[in-house]
C-alpha atoms as a PDB file:
ATOM      1  CA  UNK A   1     108.430 110.382  91.097  1.00  0.00           C
ATOM      2  CA  UNK A   2     107.776 108.268  88.062  1.00  0.00           C
ATOM      3  CA  UNK A   3     108.405 104.603  87.243  1.00  0.00           C
ATOM      4  CA  UNK A   4     111.242 105.590  84.899  1.00  0.00           C
ATOM      5  CA  UNK A   5     112.983 107.265  87.838  1.00  0.00           C
ATOM      6  CA  UNK A   6     112.967 103.922  89.636  1.00  0.00           C
ATOM      7  CA  UNK A   7     114.695 102.136  86.789  1.00  0.00           C
ATOM      8  CA  UNK A   8     111.482 100.842  85.240  1.00  0.00           C
ATOM      9  CA  UNK A   9     111.032 101.648  81.580  1.00  0.00           C
ATOM     10  CA  UNK A  10     107.563 100.088  81.402  1.00  0.00           C
ATOM     11  CA  UNK A  11     104.762 100.973  83.825  1.00  0.00           C
ATOM     12  CA  UNK A  12     104.603  98.492  86.661  1.00  0.00           C
ATOM     13  CA  UNK A  13     100.998  97.409  87.412  1.00  0.00           C
ATOM     14  CA  UNK A  14     101.953  96.898  91.074  1.00  0.00           C
ATOM     15  CA  UNK A  15     103.081 100.526  91.539  1.00  0.00           C
ATOM     16  CA  UNK A  16     101.000 103.666  91.479  1.00  0.00           C
ATOM     17  CA  UNK A  17     101.425 105.638  88.264  1.00  0.00           C
ATOM     18  CA  UNK A  18     102.764 109.106  89.054  1.00  0.00           C
ATOM     19  CA  UNK A  19     103.066 112.079  86.731  1.00  0.00           C
ATOM     20  CA  UNK A  20     104.395 115.576  87.325  1.00  0.00           C
ATOM     21  CA  UNK A  21     102.804 118.639  85.806  1.00  0.00           C
ATOM     22  CA  UNK A  22     103.273 122.285  86.776  1.00  0.00           C
ATOM     23  CA  UNK A  23     105.335 121.320  89.806  1.00  0.00           C
ATOM     24  CA  UNK A  24     102.590 119.007  91.128  1.00  0.00           C
ATOM     25  CA  UNK A  25     102.811 115.235  91.374  1.00  0.00           C
ATOM     26  CA  UNK A  26      99.669 113.196  90.858  1.00  0.00           C
ATOM     27  CA  UNK A  27      99.508 109.454  91.396  1.00  0.00           C
ATOM     28  CA  UNK A  28      96.822 106.978  90.461  1.00  0.00           C
ATOM     29  CA  UNK A  29      96.683 103.466  91.798  1.00  0.00           C
ATOM     30  CA  UNK A  30      96.321 100.703  89.259  1.00  0.00           C
ATOM     31  CA  UNK A  31      95.955  97.851  91.730  1.00  0.00           C
ATOM     32  CA  UNK A  32      92.868  97.201  93.780  1.00  0.00           C
ATOM     33  CA  UNK A  33      93.026  95.900  97.322  1.00  0.00           C
ATOM     34  CA  UNK A  34      89.247  95.572  97.674  1.00  0.00           C
ATOM     35  CA  UNK A  35      87.471  92.351  96.752  1.00  0.00           C
ATOM     36  CA  UNK A  36      83.974  90.877  96.815  1.00  0.00           C
ATOM     37  CA  UNK A  37      83.551  88.168  99.441  1.00  0.00           C
ATOM     38  CA  UNK A  38      82.723  85.652  96.719  1.00  0.00           C
ATOM     39  CA  UNK A  39      86.068  86.163  94.917  1.00  0.00           C
ATOM     40  CA  UNK A  40      87.736  83.835  97.403  1.00  0.00           C
ATOM     41  CA  UNK A  41      90.753  82.792  95.353  1.00  0.00           C
ATOM     42  CA  UNK A  42      91.551  86.405  94.360  1.00  0.00           C
ATOM     43  CA  UNK A  43      91.458  87.773  97.879  1.00  0.00           C
ATOM     44  CA  UNK A  44      93.238  84.794  99.429  1.00  0.00           C
ATOM     45  CA  UNK A  45      96.035  85.154  96.863  1.00  0.00           C
ATOM     46  CA  UNK A  46      96.222  88.894  97.543  1.00  0.00           C
ATOM     47  CA  UNK A  47      96.318  88.290 101.298  1.00  0.00           C
ATOM     48  CA  UNK A  48      99.181  85.800 101.002  1.00  0.00           C
ATOM     49  CA  UNK A  49     101.118  88.155  98.725  1.00  0.00           C
ATOM     50  CA  UNK A  50     100.410  91.530 100.375  1.00  0.00           C
ATOM     51  CA  UNK A  51      99.532  90.579 103.960  1.00  0.00           C
ATOM     52  CA  UNK A  52      96.110  92.247 103.995  1.00  0.00           C
ATOM     53  CA  UNK A  53      92.824  92.312 102.130  1.00  0.00           C
ATOM     54  CA  UNK A  54      89.726  94.518 102.164  1.00  0.00           C
ATOM     55  CA  UNK A  55      86.470  92.637 101.613  1.00  0.00           C
ATOM     56  CA  UNK A  56      83.283  94.325 100.410  1.00  0.00           C
ATOM     57  CA  UNK A  57      79.955  93.144 101.774  1.00  0.00           C
ATOM     58  CA  UNK A  58      81.252  91.424 104.919  1.00  0.00           C
ATOM     59  CA  UNK A  59      79.187  93.469 107.356  1.00  0.00           C
ATOM     60  CA  UNK A  60      75.470  94.057 106.829  1.00  0.00           C
ATOM     61  CA  UNK A  61      73.945  97.550 106.863  1.00  0.00           C
ATOM     62  CA  UNK A  62      72.306  97.129 110.282  1.00  0.00           C
ATOM     63  CA  UNK A  63      75.549  96.081 111.968  1.00  0.00           C
ATOM     64  CA  UNK A  64      77.424  98.916 110.251  1.00  0.00           C
ATOM     65  CA  UNK A  65      74.800 101.445 111.396  1.00  0.00           C
ATOM     66  CA  UNK A  66      75.045 100.220 115.008  1.00  0.00           C
ATOM     67  CA  UNK A  67      78.842 100.410 114.936  1.00  0.00           C
ATOM     68  CA  UNK A  68      78.675 103.928 113.501  1.00  0.00           C
ATOM     69  CA  UNK A  69      76.200 104.928 116.232  1.00  0.00           C
ATOM     70  CA  UNK A  70      78.587 103.649 118.926  1.00  0.00           C
ATOM     71  CA  UNK A  71      81.569 105.365 117.333  1.00  0.00           C
ATOM     72  CA  UNK A  72      79.638 108.631 117.097  1.00  0.00           C
ATOM     73  CA  UNK A  73      78.932 108.431 120.838  1.00  0.00           C
ATOM     74  CA  UNK A  74      82.618 107.772 121.513  1.00  0.00           C
ATOM     75  CA  UNK A  75      83.687 110.749 119.380  1.00  0.00           C
ATOM     76  CA  UNK A  76      81.030 112.914 121.082  1.00  0.00           C
ATOM     77  CA  UNK A  77      82.581 112.085 124.463  1.00  0.00           C
ATOM     78  CA  UNK A  78      86.097 112.826 123.188  1.00  0.00           C
ATOM     79  CA  UNK A  79      84.978 116.124 121.634  1.00  0.00           C
ATOM     80  CA  UNK A  80      83.370 117.271 124.876  1.00  0.00           C
ATOM     81  CA  UNK A  81      86.478 116.306 126.856  1.00  0.00           C
ATOM     82  CA  UNK A  82      88.667 118.319 124.476  1.00  0.00           C
ATOM     83  CA  UNK A  83      86.326 121.301 124.714  1.00  0.00           C
ATOM     84  CA  UNK A  84      86.158 121.088 128.522  1.00  0.00           C
ATOM     85  CA  UNK A  85      89.964 120.933 128.695  1.00  0.00           C
ATOM     86  CA  UNK A  86      90.247 124.002 126.470  1.00  0.00           C
ATOM     87  CA  UNK A  87      92.025 122.104 123.694  1.00  0.00           C
ATOM     88  CA  UNK A  88      89.289 122.996 121.181  1.00  0.00           C
ATOM     89  CA  UNK A  89      86.588 125.646 121.310  1.00  0.00           C
ATOM     90  CA  UNK A  90      84.147 123.790 119.048  1.00  0.00           C
ATOM     91  CA  UNK A  91      83.071 120.158 119.523  1.00  0.00           C
ATOM     92  CA  UNK A  92      82.268 120.043 115.771  1.00  0.00           C
ATOM     93  CA  UNK A  93      78.914 118.340 116.324  1.00  0.00           C
ATOM     94  CA  UNK A  94      77.880 119.160 112.746  1.00  0.00           C
ATOM     95  CA  UNK A  95      81.024 117.694 111.164  1.00  0.00           C
ATOM     96  CA  UNK A  96      80.690 114.540 109.095  1.00  0.00           C
ATOM     97  CA  UNK A  97      81.283 111.150 110.675  1.00  0.00           C
ATOM     98  CA  UNK A  98      84.150 110.526 108.260  1.00  0.00           C
ATOM     99  CA  UNK A  99      86.139 113.639 109.196  1.00  0.00           C
ATOM    100  CA  UNK A 100      85.113 114.711 112.700  1.00  0.00           C
ATOM    101  CA  UNK A 101      87.741 112.792 114.693  1.00  0.00           C
ATOM    102  CA  UNK A 102      90.506 113.950 112.344  1.00  0.00           C
ATOM    103  CA  UNK A 103      89.353 117.557 112.560  1.00  0.00           C
ATOM    104  CA  UNK A 104      89.143 117.462 116.367  1.00  0.00           C
ATOM    105  CA  UNK A 105      92.714 116.229 116.769  1.00  0.00           C
ATOM    106  CA  UNK A 106      94.420 117.811 113.728  1.00  0.00           C
ATOM    107  CA  UNK A 107      96.328 120.339 115.853  1.00  0.00           C
ATOM    108  CA  UNK A 108      97.008 117.914 118.722  1.00  0.00           C
ATOM    109  CA  UNK A 109      97.575 114.407 117.307  1.00  0.00           C
ATOM    110  CA  UNK A 110      99.534 113.495 120.440  1.00  0.00           C
ATOM    111  CA  UNK A 111      96.260 113.632 122.405  1.00  0.00           C
ATOM    112  CA  UNK A 112      94.493 111.141 120.141  1.00  0.00           C
ATOM    113  CA  UNK A 113      93.668 108.002 122.133  1.00  0.00           C
ATOM    114  CA  UNK A 114      95.172 104.807 120.790  1.00  0.00           C
ATOM    115  CA  UNK A 115      93.108 102.358 122.843  1.00  0.00           C
ATOM    116  CA  UNK A 116      89.363 102.369 123.389  1.00  0.00           C
ATOM    117  CA  UNK A 117      88.943  99.034 125.192  1.00  0.00           C
ATOM    118  CA  UNK A 118      87.291 100.511 128.291  1.00  0.00           C
ATOM    119  CA  UNK A 119      85.028 102.840 126.286  1.00  0.00           C
ATOM    120  CA  UNK A 120      83.902 100.119 123.893  1.00  0.00           C
ATOM    121  CA  UNK A 121      82.697  97.869 126.705  1.00  0.00           C
ATOM    122  CA  UNK A 122      80.127 100.140 128.347  1.00  0.00           C
END
């Protein structure tokens, strides 16, 4: 869909710009939702208008690495459970951190846990 299809003759900077070519639709966002921590007024205004904000630089590299290590252990446990239950044949131990969980559950999203409280407090 395109802005003109929504009754907008001029591109709206708050909407993604979408174009169709060869039966494919491609959209590009023109609005950023990510802000530097120091841009306080910008991100506070965005939060009040949109209800969320993404801040860059809030968590240091060491903390991020520790969180990633813990999440990797959690995903390892889930992958082994799925393999042991016969849901998957491969625990995808070589898959990237960013895609492994998605790949493990892509054919069975109903099995994806939605609460990790107990596992996060080991």
